[in-house]
PDB file of all heavy atoms in Angstrom:
ATOM      1  N   CYS A   1      29.815 -38.854 -60.479  1.00  0.00           N
ATOM      2  CA  CYS A   1      30.692 -37.705 -60.285  1.00  0.00           C
ATOM      3  C   CYS A   1      30.435 -36.604 -61.309  1.00  0.00           C
ATOM      4  O   CYS A   1      30.545 -35.412 -61.004  1.00  0.00           O
ATOM      5  CB  CYS A   1      32.141 -38.177 -60.348  1.00  0.00           C
ATOM      6  SG  CYS A   1      33.363 -36.872 -60.173  1.00  0.00           S
ATOM      7  N   LYS A   2      30.062 -36.974 -62.565  1.00  0.00           N
ATOM      8  CA  LYS A   2      29.878 -35.994 -63.630  1.00  0.00           C
ATOM      9  C   LYS A   2      28.751 -35.008 -63.333  1.00  0.00           C
ATOM     10  O   LYS A   2      28.698 -33.916 -63.912  1.00  0.00           O
ATOM     11  CB  LYS A   2      29.585 -36.705 -64.959  1.00  0.00           C
ATOM     12  CG  LYS A   2      28.327 -37.533 -64.972  1.00  0.00           C
ATOM     13  CD  LYS A   2      28.147 -38.225 -66.307  1.00  0.00           C
ATOM     14  CE  LYS A   2      26.916 -39.120 -66.311  1.00  0.00           C
ATOM     15  NZ  LYS A   2      25.658 -38.359 -66.093  1.00  0.00           N
ATOM     16  N   ASP A   3      27.856 -35.392 -62.420  1.00  0.00           N
ATOM     17  CA  ASP A   3      26.762 -34.481 -62.052  1.00  0.00           C
ATOM     18  C   ASP A   3      27.258 -33.329 -61.173  1.00  0.00           C
ATOM     19  O   ASP A   3      26.536 -32.354 -60.970  1.00  0.00           O
ATOM     20  CB  ASP A   3      25.660 -35.235 -61.308  1.00  0.00           C
ATOM     21  CG  ASP A   3      24.968 -36.252 -62.208  1.00  0.00           C
ATOM     22  OD1 ASP A   3      25.016 -36.056 -63.434  1.00  0.00           O
ATOM     23  OD2 ASP A   3      24.396 -37.226 -61.684  1.00  0.00           O
ATOM     24  N   TYR A   4      28.481 -33.460 -60.640  1.00  0.00           N
ATOM     25  CA  TYR A   4      28.987 -32.464 -59.691  1.00  0.00           C
ATOM     26  C   TYR A   4      30.332 -31.873 -60.127  1.00  0.00           C
ATOM     27  O   TYR A   4      30.681 -30.775 -59.714  1.00  0.00           O
ATOM     28  CB  TYR A   4      29.125 -33.091 -58.301  1.00  0.00           C
ATOM     29  CG  TYR A   4      27.825 -33.707 -57.843  1.00  0.00           C
ATOM     30  CD1 TYR A   4      27.574 -35.066 -58.026  1.00  0.00           C
ATOM     31  CD2 TYR A   4      26.831 -32.914 -57.275  1.00  0.00           C
ATOM     32  CE1 TYR A   4      26.371 -35.628 -57.625  1.00  0.00           C
ATOM     33  CE2 TYR A   4      25.624 -33.480 -56.877  1.00  0.00           C
ATOM     34  CZ  TYR A   4      25.401 -34.832 -57.054  1.00  0.00           C
ATOM     35  OH  TYR A   4      24.200 -35.378 -56.672  1.00  0.00           O
ATOM     36  N   PHE A   5      31.072 -32.631 -60.948  1.00  0.00           N
ATOM     37  CA  PHE A   5      32.353 -32.167 -61.486  1.00  0.00           C
ATOM     38  C   PHE A   5      32.383 -32.548 -62.960  1.00  0.00           C
ATOM     39  O   PHE A   5      32.234 -33.733 -63.304  1.00  0.00           O
ATOM     40  CB  PHE A   5      33.539 -32.811 -60.761  1.00  0.00           C
ATOM     41  CG  PHE A   5      33.617 -32.475 -59.290  1.00  0.00           C
ATOM     42  CD1 PHE A   5      33.065 -33.325 -58.342  1.00  0.00           C
ATOM     43  CD2 PHE A   5      34.222 -31.297 -58.873  1.00  0.00           C
ATOM     44  CE1 PHE A   5      33.127 -33.023 -56.997  1.00  0.00           C
ATOM     45  CE2 PHE A   5      34.289 -30.992 -57.521  1.00  0.00           C
ATOM     46  CZ  PHE A   5      33.734 -31.860 -56.575  1.00  0.00           C
ATOM     47  N   SER A   6      32.563 -31.572 -63.836  1.00  0.00           N
ATOM     48  CA  SER A   6      32.493 -31.836 -65.276  1.00  0.00           C
ATOM     49  C   SER A   6      33.553 -32.855 -65.708  1.00  0.00           C
ATOM     50  O   SER A   6      34.673 -32.868 -65.195  1.00  0.00           O
ATOM     51  CB  SER A   6      32.688 -30.522 -66.052  1.00  0.00           C
ATOM     52  OG  SER A   6      33.939 -29.946 -65.757  1.00  0.00           O
ATOM     53  N   ASN A   7      33.153 -33.732 -66.630  1.00  0.00           N
ATOM     54  CA  ASN A   7      34.053 -34.721 -67.226  1.00  0.00           C
ATOM     55  C   ASN A   7      34.678 -35.675 -66.196  1.00  0.00           C
ATOM     56  O   ASN A   7      35.798 -36.151 -66.368  1.00  0.00           O
ATOM     57  CB  ASN A   7      35.180 -34.040 -68.012  1.00  0.00           C
ATOM     58  CG  ASN A   7      34.665 -33.164 -69.119  1.00  0.00           C
ATOM     59  OD1 ASN A   7      33.757 -33.562 -69.865  1.00  0.00           O
ATOM     60  ND2 ASN A   7      35.215 -31.955 -69.246  1.00  0.00           N
ATOM     61  N   CYS A   8      33.943 -35.982 -65.132  1.00  0.00           N
ATOM     62  CA  CYS A   8      34.436 -36.933 -64.116  1.00  0.00           C
ATOM     63  C   CYS A   8      33.748 -38.266 -64.343  1.00  0.00           C
ATOM     64  O   CYS A   8      32.514 -38.370 -64.269  1.00  0.00           O
ATOM     65  CB  CYS A   8      34.143 -36.415 -62.717  1.00  0.00           C
ATOM     66  SG  CYS A   8      34.743 -37.515 -61.411  1.00  0.00           S
ATOM     67  N   ALA A   9      34.530 -39.301 -64.638  1.00  0.00           N
ATOM     68  CA  ALA A   9      33.965 -40.605 -64.983  1.00  0.00           C
ATOM     69  C   ALA A   9      33.729 -41.494 -63.772  1.00  0.00           C
ATOM     70  O   ALA A   9      33.235 -42.624 -63.906  1.00  0.00           O
ATOM     71  CB  ALA A   9      34.913 -41.319 -65.958  1.00  0.00           C
ATOM     72  N   LEU A  10      34.061 -41.041 -62.607  1.00  0.00           N
ATOM     73  CA  LEU A  10      33.920 -41.885 -61.410  1.00  0.00           C
ATOM     74  C   LEU A  10      32.464 -42.066 -61.007  1.00  0.00           C
ATOM     75  O   LEU A  10      31.602 -41.242 -61.298  1.00  0.00           O
ATOM     76  CB  LEU A  10      34.688 -41.266 -60.236  1.00  0.00           C
ATOM     77  CG  LEU A  10      36.215 -41.250 -60.325  1.00  0.00           C
ATOM     78  CD1 LEU A  10      36.795 -40.614 -59.075  1.00  0.00           C
ATOM     79  CD2 LEU A  10      36.757 -42.665 -60.491  1.00  0.00           C
ATOM     80  N   ARG A  11      32.244 -43.161 -60.295  1.00  0.00           N
ATOM     81  CA  ARG A  11      30.940 -43.443 -59.708  1.00  0.00           C
ATOM     82  C   ARG A  11      31.189 -44.025 -58.320  1.00  0.00           C
ATOM     83  O   ARG A  11      32.044 -44.875 -58.137  1.00  0.00           O
ATOM     84  CB  ARG A  11      30.176 -44.446 -60.578  1.00  0.00           C
ATOM     85  CG  ARG A  11      28.917 -45.031 -59.926  1.00  0.00           C
ATOM     86  CD  ARG A  11      28.244 -46.005 -60.881  1.00  0.00           C
ATOM     87  NE  ARG A  11      27.216 -46.802 -60.224  1.00  0.00           N
ATOM     88  CZ  ARG A  11      27.439 -48.001 -59.700  1.00  0.00           C
ATOM     89  NH1 ARG A  11      28.663 -48.523 -59.749  1.00  0.00           N
ATOM     90  NH2 ARG A  11      26.457 -48.678 -59.134  1.00  0.00           N
ATOM     91  N   THR A  12      30.474 -43.543 -57.366  1.00  0.00           N
ATOM     92  CA  THR A  12      30.581 -44.106 -56.023  1.00  0.00           C
ATOM     93  C   THR A  12      29.177 -44.269 -55.465  1.00  0.00           C
ATOM     94  O   THR A  12      28.191 -44.015 -56.164  1.00  0.00           O
ATOM     95  CB  THR A  12      31.451 -43.226 -55.100  1.00  0.00           C
ATOM     96  OG1 THR A  12      31.691 -43.921 -53.881  1.00  0.00           O
ATOM     97  CG2 THR A  12      30.804 -41.883 -54.814  1.00  0.00           C
ATOM     98  N   ILE A  13      29.089 -44.728 -54.251  1.00  0.00           N
ATOM     99  CA  ILE A  13      27.787 -45.002 -53.643  1.00  0.00           C
ATOM    100  C   ILE A  13      27.703 -44.318 -52.289  1.00  0.00           C
ATOM    101  O   ILE A  13      28.653 -44.342 -51.503  1.00  0.00           O
ATOM    102  CB  ILE A  13      27.572 -46.527 -53.478  1.00  0.00           C
ATOM    103  CG1 ILE A  13      27.508 -47.186 -54.860  1.00  0.00           C
ATOM    104  CG2 ILE A  13      26.310 -46.829 -52.673  1.00  0.00           C
ATOM    105  CD1 ILE A  13      27.422 -48.693 -54.821  1.00  0.00           C
ATOM    106  N   HIS A  14      26.573 -43.705 -52.041  1.00  0.00           N
ATOM    107  CA  HIS A  14      26.302 -43.142 -50.715  1.00  0.00           C
ATOM    108  C   HIS A  14      25.948 -44.293 -49.779  1.00  0.00           C
ATOM    109  O   HIS A  14      25.028 -45.057 -50.042  1.00  0.00           O
ATOM    110  CB  HIS A  14      25.132 -42.158 -50.807  1.00  0.00           C
ATOM    111  CG  HIS A  14      24.700 -41.629 -49.469  1.00  0.00           C
ATOM    112  ND1 HIS A  14      23.378 -41.491 -49.135  1.00  0.00           N
ATOM    113  CD2 HIS A  14      25.414 -41.219 -48.398  1.00  0.00           C
ATOM    114  CE1 HIS A  14      23.294 -41.009 -47.907  1.00  0.00           C
ATOM    115  NE2 HIS A  14      24.522 -40.830 -47.441  1.00  0.00           N
ATOM    116  N   LYS A  15      26.702 -44.401 -48.681  1.00  0.00           N
ATOM    117  CA  LYS A  15      26.546 -45.540 -47.764  1.00  0.00           C
ATOM    118  C   LYS A  15      26.243 -45.053 -46.357  1.00  0.00           C
ATOM    119  O   LYS A  15      26.875 -44.123 -45.859  1.00  0.00           O
ATOM    120  CB  LYS A  15      27.832 -46.392 -47.738  1.00  0.00           C
ATOM    121  CG  LYS A  15      28.194 -46.953 -49.111  1.00  0.00           C
ATOM    122  CD  LYS A  15      29.613 -47.473 -49.167  1.00  0.00           C
ATOM    123  CE  LYS A  15      30.636 -46.350 -49.142  1.00  0.00           C
ATOM    124  NZ  LYS A  15      30.538 -45.426 -50.297  1.00  0.00           N
ATOM    125  N   GLN A  16      25.280 -45.684 -45.739  1.00  0.00           N
ATOM    126  CA  GLN A  16      24.952 -45.403 -44.352  1.00  0.00           C
ATOM    127  C   GLN A  16      24.951 -46.708 -43.574  1.00  0.00           C
ATOM    128  O   GLN A  16      24.492 -47.732 -44.071  1.00  0.00           O
ATOM    129  CB  GLN A  16      23.583 -44.730 -44.220  1.00  0.00           C
ATOM    130  CG  GLN A  16      23.534 -43.300 -44.742  1.00  0.00           C
ATOM    131  CD  GLN A  16      22.153 -42.711 -44.577  1.00  0.00           C
ATOM    132  OE1 GLN A  16      21.161 -43.310 -44.995  1.00  0.00           O
ATOM    133  NE2 GLN A  16      22.075 -41.529 -43.985  1.00  0.00           N
ATOM    134  N   ALA A  17      25.450 -46.666 -42.332  1.00  0.00           N
ATOM    135  CA  ALA A  17      25.434 -47.860 -41.493  1.00  0.00           C
ATOM    136  C   ALA A  17      24.063 -48.003 -40.848  1.00  0.00           C
ATOM    137  O   ALA A  17      23.343 -47.030 -40.647  1.00  0.00           O
ATOM    138  CB  ALA A  17      26.507 -47.756 -40.427  1.00  0.00           C
ATOM    139  N   THR A  18      23.712 -49.235 -40.561  1.00  0.00           N
ATOM    140  CA  THR A  18      22.439 -49.453 -39.863  1.00  0.00           C
ATOM    141  C   THR A  18      22.526 -48.941 -38.429  1.00  0.00           C
ATOM    142  O   THR A  18      21.511 -48.641 -37.804  1.00  0.00           O
ATOM    143  CB  THR A  18      22.081 -50.953 -39.846  1.00  0.00           C
ATOM    144  OG1 THR A  18      23.167 -51.689 -39.255  1.00  0.00           O
ATOM    145  CG2 THR A  18      21.856 -51.461 -41.253  1.00  0.00           C
ATOM    146  N   ASP A  19      23.741 -48.850 -37.888  1.00  0.00           N
ATOM    147  CA  ASP A  19      23.967 -48.263 -36.569  1.00  0.00           C
ATOM    148  C   ASP A  19      23.955 -46.740 -36.725  1.00  0.00           C
ATOM    149  O   ASP A  19      24.836 -46.166 -37.355  1.00  0.00           O
ATOM    150  CB  ASP A  19      25.315 -48.740 -36.019  1.00  0.00           C
ATOM    151  CG  ASP A  19      25.635 -48.144 -34.658  1.00  0.00           C
ATOM    152  OD1 ASP A  19      24.840 -47.312 -34.160  1.00  0.00           O
ATOM    153  OD2 ASP A  19      26.672 -48.501 -34.085  1.00  0.00           O
ATOM    154  N   SER A  20      22.960 -46.088 -36.152  1.00  0.00           N
ATOM    155  CA  SER A  20      22.798 -44.648 -36.362  1.00  0.00           C
ATOM    156  C   SER A  20      23.953 -43.837 -35.790  1.00  0.00           C
ATOM    157  O   SER A  20      24.203 -42.720 -36.227  1.00  0.00           O
ATOM    158  CB  SER A  20      21.482 -44.175 -35.722  1.00  0.00           C
ATOM    159  OG  SER A  20      21.485 -44.456 -34.328  1.00  0.00           O
ATOM    160  N   SER A  21      24.688 -44.392 -34.810  1.00  0.00           N
ATOM    161  CA  SER A  21      25.789 -43.644 -34.211  1.00  0.00           C
ATOM    162  C   SER A  21      26.978 -43.520 -35.159  1.00  0.00           C
ATOM    163  O   SER A  21      27.806 -42.627 -35.021  1.00  0.00           O
ATOM    164  CB  SER A  21      26.248 -44.321 -32.908  1.00  0.00           C
ATOM    165  OG  SER A  21      26.808 -45.596 -33.173  1.00  0.00           O
ATOM    166  N   VAL A  22      27.085 -44.432 -36.140  1.00  0.00           N
ATOM    167  CA  VAL A  22      28.192 -44.406 -37.087  1.00  0.00           C
ATOM    168  C   VAL A  22      27.943 -43.379 -38.183  1.00  0.00           C
ATOM    169  O   VAL A  22      28.867 -42.749 -38.688  1.00  0.00           O
ATOM    170  CB  VAL A  22      28.429 -45.806 -37.697  1.00  0.00           C
ATOM    171  CG1 VAL A  22      29.498 -45.752 -38.778  1.00  0.00           C
ATOM    172  CG2 VAL A  22      28.811 -46.786 -36.607  1.00  0.00           C
ATOM    173  N   LYS A  23      26.698 -43.178 -38.549  1.00  0.00           N
ATOM    174  CA  LYS A  23      26.295 -42.228 -39.589  1.00  0.00           C
ATOM    175  C   LYS A  23      26.891 -42.608 -40.943  1.00  0.00           C
ATOM    176  O   LYS A  23      26.732 -43.723 -41.408  1.00  0.00           O
ATOM    177  CB  LYS A  23      26.661 -40.804 -39.175  1.00  0.00           C
ATOM    178  CG  LYS A  23      25.959 -40.366 -37.873  1.00  0.00           C
ATOM    179  CD  LYS A  23      26.324 -38.964 -37.477  1.00  0.00           C
ATOM    180  CE  LYS A  23      25.617 -38.590 -36.189  1.00  0.00           C
ATOM    181  NZ  LYS A  23      25.983 -37.238 -35.708  1.00  0.00           N
ATOM    182  N   GLN A  24      27.628 -41.668 -41.574  1.00  0.00           N
ATOM    183  CA  GLN A  24      28.087 -41.907 -42.936  1.00  0.00           C
ATOM    184  C   GLN A  24      29.312 -42.823 -42.973  1.00  0.00           C
ATOM    185  O   GLN A  24      30.150 -42.807 -42.073  1.00  0.00           O
ATOM    186  CB  GLN A  24      28.440 -40.576 -43.614  1.00  0.00           C
ATOM    187  CG  GLN A  24      27.372 -39.503 -43.490  1.00  0.00           C
ATOM    188  CD  GLN A  24      26.105 -39.844 -44.257  1.00  0.00           C
ATOM    189  OE1 GLN A  24      26.119 -40.703 -45.121  1.00  0.00           O
ATOM    190  NE2 GLN A  24      25.013 -39.164 -43.947  1.00  0.00           N
ATOM    191  N   VAL A  25      29.407 -43.606 -44.051  1.00  0.00           N
ATOM    192  CA  VAL A  25      30.521 -44.535 -44.264  1.00  0.00           C
ATOM    193  C   VAL A  25      31.128 -44.219 -45.624  1.00  0.00           C
ATOM    194  O   VAL A  25      30.399 -43.943 -46.588  1.00  0.00           O
ATOM    195  CB  VAL A  25      30.029 -46.001 -44.239  1.00  0.00           C
ATOM    196  CG1 VAL A  25      31.203 -46.949 -44.401  1.00  0.00           C
ATOM    197  CG2 VAL A  25      29.279 -46.280 -42.942  1.00  0.00           C
ATOM    198  N   TYR A  26      32.477 -44.273 -45.705  1.00  0.00           N
ATOM    199  CA  TYR A  26      33.166 -43.864 -46.941  1.00  0.00           C
ATOM    200  C   TYR A  26      34.096 -44.952 -47.437  1.00  0.00           C
ATOM    201  O   TYR A  26      34.640 -45.746 -46.648  1.00  0.00           O
ATOM    202  CB  TYR A  26      33.959 -42.575 -46.687  1.00  0.00           C
ATOM    203  CG  TYR A  26      33.066 -41.422 -46.329  1.00  0.00           C
ATOM    204  CD1 TYR A  26      32.685 -41.203 -45.008  1.00  0.00           C
ATOM    205  CD2 TYR A  26      32.571 -40.576 -47.313  1.00  0.00           C
ATOM    206  CE1 TYR A  26      31.843 -40.159 -44.673  1.00  0.00           C
ATOM    207  CE2 TYR A  26      31.730 -39.523 -46.986  1.00  0.00           C
ATOM    208  CZ  TYR A  26      31.362 -39.316 -45.666  1.00  0.00           C
ATOM    209  OH  TYR A  26      30.515 -38.296 -45.344  1.00  0.00           O
ATOM    210  N   CYS A  27      34.295 -44.984 -48.764  1.00  0.00           N
ATOM    211  CA  CYS A  27      35.204 -45.947 -49.373  1.00  0.00           C
ATOM    212  C   CYS A  27      36.655 -45.567 -49.066  1.00  0.00           C
ATOM    213  O   CYS A  27      37.025 -44.398 -49.098  1.00  0.00           O
ATOM    214  CB  CYS A  27      35.017 -45.985 -50.889  1.00  0.00           C
ATOM    215  SG  CYS A  27      33.440 -46.687 -51.402  1.00  0.00           S
ATOM    216  N   ALA A  28      37.485 -46.586 -48.810  1.00  0.00           N
ATOM    217  CA  ALA A  28      38.915 -46.352 -48.584  1.00  0.00           C
ATOM    218  C   ALA A  28      39.695 -46.471 -49.889  1.00  0.00           C
ATOM    219  O   ALA A  28      40.659 -45.751 -50.111  1.00  0.00           O
ATOM    220  CB  ALA A  28      39.458 -47.325 -47.546  1.00  0.00           C
ATOM    221  N   GLU A  29      39.296 -47.393 -50.765  1.00  0.00           N
ATOM    222  CA  GLU A  29      39.986 -47.615 -52.047  1.00  0.00           C
ATOM    223  C   GLU A  29      38.935 -47.698 -53.150  1.00  0.00           C
ATOM    224  O   GLU A  29      38.113 -48.605 -53.149  1.00  0.00           O
ATOM    225  CB  GLU A  29      40.815 -48.898 -51.999  1.00  0.00           C
ATOM    226  CG  GLU A  29      41.872 -48.915 -50.892  1.00  0.00           C
ATOM    227  CD  GLU A  29      42.549 -50.269 -50.794  1.00  0.00           C
ATOM    228  OE1 GLU A  29      42.708 -50.919 -51.841  1.00  0.00           O
ATOM    229  OE2 GLU A  29      42.882 -50.678 -49.665  1.00  0.00           O
ATOM    230  N   HIS A  30      39.001 -46.795 -54.088  1.00  0.00           N
ATOM    231  CA  HIS A  30      37.942 -46.715 -55.097  1.00  0.00           C
ATOM    232  C   HIS A  30      37.859 -47.953 -55.982  1.00  0.00           C
ATOM    233  O   HIS A  30      36.774 -48.416 -56.322  1.00  0.00           O
ATOM    234  CB  HIS A  30      38.143 -45.470 -55.972  1.00  0.00           C
ATOM    235  CG  HIS A  30      37.195 -45.422 -57.122  1.00  0.00           C
ATOM    236  ND1 HIS A  30      37.554 -45.818 -58.400  1.00  0.00           N
ATOM    237  CD2 HIS A  30      35.887 -45.066 -57.186  1.00  0.00           C
ATOM    238  CE1 HIS A  30      36.522 -45.696 -59.197  1.00  0.00           C
ATOM    239  NE2 HIS A  30      35.491 -45.228 -58.491  1.00  0.00           N
ATOM    240  N   ASN A  31      39.004 -48.496 -56.360  1.00  0.00           N
ATOM    241  CA  ASN A  31      39.021 -49.563 -57.368  1.00  0.00           C
ATOM    242  C   ASN A  31      38.789 -50.960 -56.793  1.00  0.00           C
ATOM    243  O   ASN A  31      39.380 -51.930 -57.241  1.00  0.00           O
ATOM    244  CB  ASN A  31      40.350 -49.530 -58.125  1.00  0.00           C
ATOM    245  CG  ASN A  31      40.479 -48.276 -58.972  1.00  0.00           C
ATOM    246  OD1 ASN A  31      39.522 -47.855 -59.606  1.00  0.00           O
ATOM    247  ND2 ASN A  31      41.658 -47.673 -58.949  1.00  0.00           N
ATOM    248  N   VAL A  32      37.941 -51.061 -55.787  1.00  0.00           N
ATOM    249  CA  VAL A  32      37.549 -52.360 -55.241  1.00  0.00           C
ATOM    250  C   VAL A  32      36.032 -52.391 -55.222  1.00  0.00           C
ATOM    251  O   VAL A  32      35.386 -51.395 -54.899  1.00  0.00           O
ATOM    252  CB  VAL A  32      38.119 -52.569 -53.811  1.00  0.00           C
ATOM    253  CG1 VAL A  32      37.689 -53.922 -53.256  1.00  0.00           C
ATOM    254  CG2 VAL A  32      39.630 -52.447 -53.809  1.00  0.00           C
ATOM    255  N   ALA A  33      35.458 -53.552 -55.553  1.00  0.00           N
ATOM    256  CA  ALA A  33      34.007 -53.643 -55.723  1.00  0.00           C
ATOM    257  C   ALA A  33      33.255 -53.540 -54.401  1.00  0.00           C
ATOM    258  O   ALA A  33      33.761 -53.892 -53.336  1.00  0.00           O
ATOM    259  CB  ALA A  33      33.664 -54.964 -56.404  1.00  0.00           C
ATOM    260  N   LEU A  34      32.017 -53.059 -54.497  1.00  0.00           N
ATOM    261  CA  LEU A  34      31.068 -53.045 -53.391  1.00  0.00           C
ATOM    262  C   LEU A  34      29.910 -53.977 -53.731  1.00  0.00           C
ATOM    263  O   LEU A  34      29.657 -54.243 -54.904  1.00  0.00           O
ATOM    264  CB  LEU A  34      30.526 -51.632 -53.179  1.00  0.00           C
ATOM    265  CG  LEU A  34      31.382 -50.662 -52.365  1.00  0.00           C
ATOM    266  CD1 LEU A  34      30.874 -49.247 -52.569  1.00  0.00           C
ATOM    267  CD2 LEU A  34      31.348 -51.034 -50.894  1.00  0.00           C
ATOM    268  N   PRO A  35      29.208 -54.476 -52.722  1.00  0.00           N
ATOM    269  CA  PRO A  35      28.021 -55.299 -53.036  1.00  0.00           C
ATOM    270  C   PRO A  35      26.995 -54.469 -53.787  1.00  0.00           C
ATOM    271  O   PRO A  35      26.881 -53.254 -53.564  1.00  0.00           O
ATOM    272  CB  PRO A  35      27.509 -55.727 -51.659  1.00  0.00           C
ATOM    273  CG  PRO A  35      28.125 -54.770 -50.693  1.00  0.00           C
ATOM    274  CD  PRO A  35      29.430 -54.360 -51.274  1.00  0.00           C
ATOM    275  N   GLY A  36      26.273 -55.095 -54.684  1.00  0.00           N
ATOM    276  CA  GLY A  36      25.279 -54.386 -55.477  1.00  0.00           C
ATOM    277  C   GLY A  36      24.070 -54.002 -54.660  1.00  0.00           C
ATOM    278  O   GLY A  36      23.843 -54.496 -53.556  1.00  0.00           O
ATOM    279  N   GLY A  37      23.266 -53.093 -55.224  1.00  0.00           N
ATOM    280  CA  GLY A  37      22.069 -52.649 -54.537  1.00  0.00           C
ATOM    281  C   GLY A  37      21.062 -53.773 -54.392  1.00  0.00           C
ATOM    282  O   GLY A  37      20.975 -54.676 -55.211  1.00  0.00           O
ATOM    283  N   GLY A  38      20.290 -53.734 -53.355  1.00  0.00           N
ATOM    284  CA  GLY A  38      19.296 -54.774 -53.104  1.00  0.00           C
ATOM    285  C   GLY A  38      18.827 -54.678 -51.675  1.00  0.00           C
ATOM    286  O   GLY A  38      18.814 -53.619 -51.085  1.00  0.00           O
ATOM    287  N   SER A  39      18.495 -55.821 -51.110  1.00  0.00           N
ATOM    288  CA  SER A  39      17.992 -55.810 -49.737  1.00  0.00           C
ATOM    289  C   SER A  39      18.927 -56.552 -48.788  1.00  0.00           C
ATOM    290  O   SER A  39      18.549 -56.860 -47.668  1.00  0.00           O
ATOM    291  CB  SER A  39      16.599 -56.460 -49.691  1.00  0.00           C
ATOM    292  OG  SER A  39      16.682 -57.792 -50.192  1.00  0.00           O
ATOM    293  N   GLY A  40      20.134 -56.837 -49.238  1.00  0.00           N
ATOM    294  CA  GLY A  40      21.057 -57.595 -48.392  1.00  0.00           C
ATOM    295  C   GLY A  40      21.767 -56.722 -47.373  1.00  0.00           C
ATOM    296  O   GLY A  40      22.046 -55.548 -47.630  1.00  0.00           O
ATOM    297  N   ASN A  41      22.062 -57.304 -46.218  1.00  0.00           N
ATOM    298  CA  ASN A  41      22.860 -56.634 -45.201  1.00  0.00           C
ATOM    299  C   ASN A  41      24.272 -57.204 -45.228  1.00  0.00           C
ATOM    300  O   ASN A  41      24.455 -58.426 -45.226  1.00  0.00           O
ATOM    301  CB  ASN A  41      22.256 -56.837 -43.811  1.00  0.00           C
ATOM    302  CG  ASN A  41      21.001 -56.005 -43.610  1.00  0.00           C
ATOM    303  OD1 ASN A  41      20.767 -55.048 -44.333  1.00  0.00           O
ATOM    304  ND2 ASN A  41      20.198 -56.384 -42.624  1.00  0.00           N
ATOM    305  N   TYR A  42      25.260 -56.329 -45.255  1.00  0.00           N
ATOM    306  CA  TYR A  42      26.661 -56.749 -45.294  1.00  0.00           C
ATOM    307  C   TYR A  42      27.400 -56.129 -44.110  1.00  0.00           C
ATOM    308  O   TYR A  42      27.193 -54.959 -43.779  1.00  0.00           O
ATOM    309  CB  TYR A  42      27.304 -56.329 -46.623  1.00  0.00           C
ATOM    310  CG  TYR A  42      26.686 -57.018 -47.821  1.00  0.00           C
ATOM    311  CD1 TYR A  42      25.533 -56.518 -48.410  1.00  0.00           C
ATOM    312  CD2 TYR A  42      27.251 -58.180 -48.344  1.00  0.00           C
ATOM    313  CE1 TYR A  42      24.950 -57.152 -49.493  1.00  0.00           C
ATOM    314  CE2 TYR A  42      26.683 -58.816 -49.437  1.00  0.00           C
ATOM    315  CZ  TYR A  42      25.531 -58.306 -50.003  1.00  0.00           C
ATOM    316  OH  TYR A  42      24.951 -58.943 -51.080  1.00  0.00           O
TER     317      TYR A  42
END
């Protein structure tokens, strides 16, 4: 977040679904973990 808004400590992840019709996917609650980067499908 700090790269786009000064002094913002947040971090999020750009997520895309494998289904192209869904396109972008967004977090509903920030303070819950996401799977880490890698090659896994969730």
